Amino acid sequence: MTTNRTRPPAIPTVLIDDELVRVTRWDFGPGAETGHHVHGLGYVVVPMTPCPFLLEEAAGERRVTVDTGQVYRREAGIAHNVINGGDAAMSFIEIEYKR
């Protein structure tokens, strides 16, 4: 992952990592980022707070707000930097499936 050195890092906490899944809680202060990365596994995201995402992708930036509990799924291969585009802390659970 690469990061913008002016942004604070998001904080990942791995909750489960076994042969079936990796479950990570991501906590972001305002303006925090994951750093650019490519997902090697398919995944499901479960927002624990409202998530005003600023996404940096190959096609440019886009903003998407996902409400608490509004679950979504993506396939492996997604490449992006996820940034908290809001002015409050946000967090979500990411469930990566290994099989």
C-alpha atoms as a PDB file:
ATOM      1  CA  MET A   1       0.000   0.000   0.000  1.00  0.00           C
ATOM      2  CA  THR A   2       1.098   3.528  -0.663  1.00  0.00           C
ATOM      3  CA  THR A   3      -0.227   6.451   1.290  1.00  0.00           C
ATOM      4  CA  ASN A   4      -0.488  10.206   0.973  1.00  0.00           C
ATOM      5  CA  ARG A   5       1.916  11.376   3.653  1.00  0.00           C
ATOM      6  CA  THR A   6      -0.354  14.274   4.564  1.00  0.00           C
ATOM      7  CA  ARG A   7      -3.213  11.964   5.585  1.00  0.00           C
ATOM      8  CA  PRO A   8      -3.296   9.879   8.762  1.00  0.00           C
ATOM      9  CA  PRO A   9      -3.541   6.112   8.297  1.00  0.00           C
ATOM     10  CA  ALA A  10      -6.735   4.169   8.879  1.00  0.00           C
ATOM     11  CA  ILE A  11      -6.336   1.613  11.674  1.00  0.00           C
ATOM     12  CA  PRO A  12      -6.976  -2.064  10.774  1.00  0.00           C
ATOM     13  CA  THR A  13      -7.718  -4.569  13.546  1.00  0.00           C
ATOM     14  CA  VAL A  14      -7.820  -8.204  12.428  1.00  0.00           C
ATOM     15  CA  LEU A  15     -10.623  -9.963  14.316  1.00  0.00           C
ATOM     16  CA  ILE A  16     -10.513 -13.384  12.615  1.00  0.00           C
ATOM     17  CA  ASP A  17      -7.995 -14.860  10.190  1.00  0.00           C
ATOM     18  CA  ASP A  18      -8.495 -18.550   9.537  1.00  0.00           C
ATOM     19  CA  GLU A  19      -8.681 -20.922   6.549  1.00  0.00           C
ATOM     20  CA  LEU A  20     -12.096 -19.562   5.466  1.00  0.00           C
ATOM     21  CA  VAL A  21     -12.158 -15.802   6.121  1.00  0.00           C
ATOM     22  CA  ARG A  22     -10.228 -12.778   7.274  1.00  0.00           C
ATOM     23  CA  VAL A  23     -12.381 -10.278   9.205  1.00  0.00           C
ATOM     24  CA  THR A  24     -10.896  -6.832   9.764  1.00  0.00           C
ATOM     25  CA  ARG A  25     -12.352  -3.803  11.512  1.00  0.00           C
ATOM     26  CA  TRP A  26     -11.216  -0.553   9.881  1.00  0.00           C
ATOM     27  CA  ASP A  27     -11.317   2.677  11.916  1.00  0.00           C
ATOM     28  CA  PHE A  28     -10.783   6.056  10.222  1.00  0.00           C
ATOM     29  CA  GLY A  29     -10.444   9.467  11.749  1.00  0.00           C
ATOM     30  CA  PRO A  30     -11.523  12.359   9.522  1.00  0.00           C
ATOM     31  CA  GLY A  31      -9.315  12.357   6.418  1.00  0.00           C
ATOM     32  CA  ALA A  32      -7.648   9.008   7.250  1.00  0.00           C
ATOM     33  CA  GLU A  33      -6.808   6.612   4.404  1.00  0.00           C
ATOM     34  CA  THR A  34      -6.020   2.952   3.773  1.00  0.00           C
ATOM     35  CA  GLY A  35      -3.382   3.745   1.171  1.00  0.00           C
ATOM     36  CA  HIS A  36      -3.656   2.489  -2.395  1.00  0.00           C
ATOM     37  CA  HIS A  37      -4.135  -1.287  -2.539  1.00  0.00           C
ATOM     38  CA  VAL A  38      -5.446  -4.109  -4.723  1.00  0.00           C
ATOM     39  CA  HIS A  39      -7.818  -6.648  -3.170  1.00  0.00           C
ATOM     40  CA  GLY A  40      -6.486 -10.158  -3.660  1.00  0.00           C
ATOM     41  CA  LEU A  41      -9.713 -11.686  -2.316  1.00  0.00           C
ATOM     42  CA  GLY A  42     -13.418 -11.025  -2.767  1.00  0.00           C
ATOM     43  CA  TYR A  43     -14.920  -9.195   0.187  1.00  0.00           C
ATOM     44  CA  VAL A  44     -18.015  -7.917   1.971  1.00  0.00           C
ATOM     45  CA  VAL A  45     -18.126  -4.555   3.784  1.00  0.00           C
ATOM     46  CA  VAL A  46     -20.427  -3.926   6.767  1.00  0.00           C
ATOM     47  CA  PRO A  47     -20.446  -0.241   7.799  1.00  0.00           C
ATOM     48  CA  MET A  48     -20.539   0.236  11.575  1.00  0.00           C
ATOM     49  CA  THR A  49     -21.072   4.012  11.183  1.00  0.00           C
ATOM     50  CA  PRO A  50     -22.148   6.160   8.259  1.00  0.00           C
ATOM     51  CA  CYS A  51     -19.224   5.999   5.807  1.00  0.00           C
ATOM     52  CA  PRO A  52     -18.663   9.026   3.555  1.00  0.00           C
ATOM     53  CA  PHE A  53     -16.082   7.348   1.315  1.00  0.00           C
ATOM     54  CA  LEU A  54     -13.735   9.287  -0.924  1.00  0.00           C
ATOM     55  CA  LEU A  55     -12.362   6.666  -3.316  1.00  0.00           C
ATOM     56  CA  GLU A  56      -9.219   7.214  -5.355  1.00  0.00           C
ATOM     57  CA  GLU A  57      -9.398   4.846  -8.329  1.00  0.00           C
ATOM     58  CA  ALA A  58      -7.663   4.541 -11.710  1.00  0.00           C
ATOM     59  CA  ALA A  59     -10.540   6.483 -13.342  1.00  0.00           C
ATOM     60  CA  GLY A  60     -10.250   9.302 -10.780  1.00  0.00           C
ATOM     61  CA  GLU A  61     -11.892  10.224  -7.494  1.00  0.00           C
ATOM     62  CA  ARG A  62     -15.475   9.527  -6.545  1.00  0.00           C
ATOM     63  CA  ARG A  63     -17.538  10.009  -3.412  1.00  0.00           C
ATOM     64  CA  VAL A  64     -19.970   7.416  -2.100  1.00  0.00           C
ATOM     65  CA  THR A  65     -21.818   7.530   1.216  1.00  0.00           C
ATOM     66  CA  VAL A  66     -22.831   4.172   2.653  1.00  0.00           C
ATOM     67  CA  ASP A  67     -25.174   4.133   5.641  1.00  0.00           C
ATOM     68  CA  THR A  68     -24.685   2.077   8.802  1.00  0.00           C
ATOM     69  CA  GLY A  69     -25.551  -1.567   8.121  1.00  0.00           C
ATOM     70  CA  GLN A  70     -25.834  -1.107   4.320  1.00  0.00           C
ATOM     71  CA  VAL A  71     -23.795  -4.153   3.307  1.00  0.00           C
ATOM     72  CA  TYR A  72     -22.081  -4.513  -0.079  1.00  0.00           C
ATOM     73  CA  ARG A  73     -19.817  -7.041  -1.816  1.00  0.00           C
ATOM     74  CA  ARG A  74     -16.934  -6.719  -4.306  1.00  0.00           C
ATOM     75  CA  GLU A  75     -14.856  -9.214  -6.274  1.00  0.00           C
ATOM     76  CA  ALA A  76     -11.088  -9.667  -6.011  1.00  0.00           C
ATOM     77  CA  GLY A  77      -9.008  -7.277  -8.115  1.00  0.00           C
ATOM     78  CA  ILE A  78     -10.525  -3.975  -6.960  1.00  0.00           C
ATOM     79  CA  ALA A  79      -7.768  -1.326  -6.774  1.00  0.00           C
ATOM     80  CA  HIS A  80      -8.306   1.870  -4.782  1.00  0.00           C
ATOM     81  CA  ASN A  81      -7.408   4.101  -1.859  1.00  0.00           C
ATOM     82  CA  VAL A  82     -10.244   4.465   0.654  1.00  0.00           C
ATOM     83  CA  ILE A  83     -10.378   7.817   2.465  1.00  0.00           C
ATOM     84  CA  ASN A  84     -12.779   9.099   5.109  1.00  0.00           C
ATOM     85  CA  GLY A  85     -14.247  12.043   3.210  1.00  0.00           C
ATOM     86  CA  GLY A  86     -16.277  13.259   6.191  1.00  0.00           C
ATOM     87  CA  ASP A  87     -15.633  15.271   9.329  1.00  0.00           C
ATOM     88  CA  ALA A  88     -16.436  12.511  11.871  1.00  0.00           C
ATOM     89  CA  ALA A  89     -14.821   9.159  12.638  1.00  0.00           C
ATOM     90  CA  MET A  90     -16.057   6.188  10.591  1.00  0.00           C
ATOM     91  CA  SER A  91     -15.588   2.437  10.789  1.00  0.00           C
ATOM     92  CA  PHE A  92     -16.536  -0.686   8.915  1.00  0.00           C
ATOM     93  CA  ILE A  93     -15.989  -4.434   9.053  1.00  0.00           C
ATOM     94  CA  GLU A  94     -14.388  -6.044   6.001  1.00  0.00           C
ATOM     95  CA  ILE A  95     -14.905  -9.786   5.510  1.00  0.00           C
ATOM     96  CA  GLU A  96     -12.567 -11.339   2.938  1.00  0.00           C
ATOM     97  CA  TYR A  97     -13.508 -14.835   1.816  1.00  0.00           C
ATOM     98  CA  LYS A  98     -10.701 -17.242   1.051  1.00  0.00           C
ATOM     99  CA  ARG A  99     -12.755 -20.003  -0.591  1.00  0.00           C
END
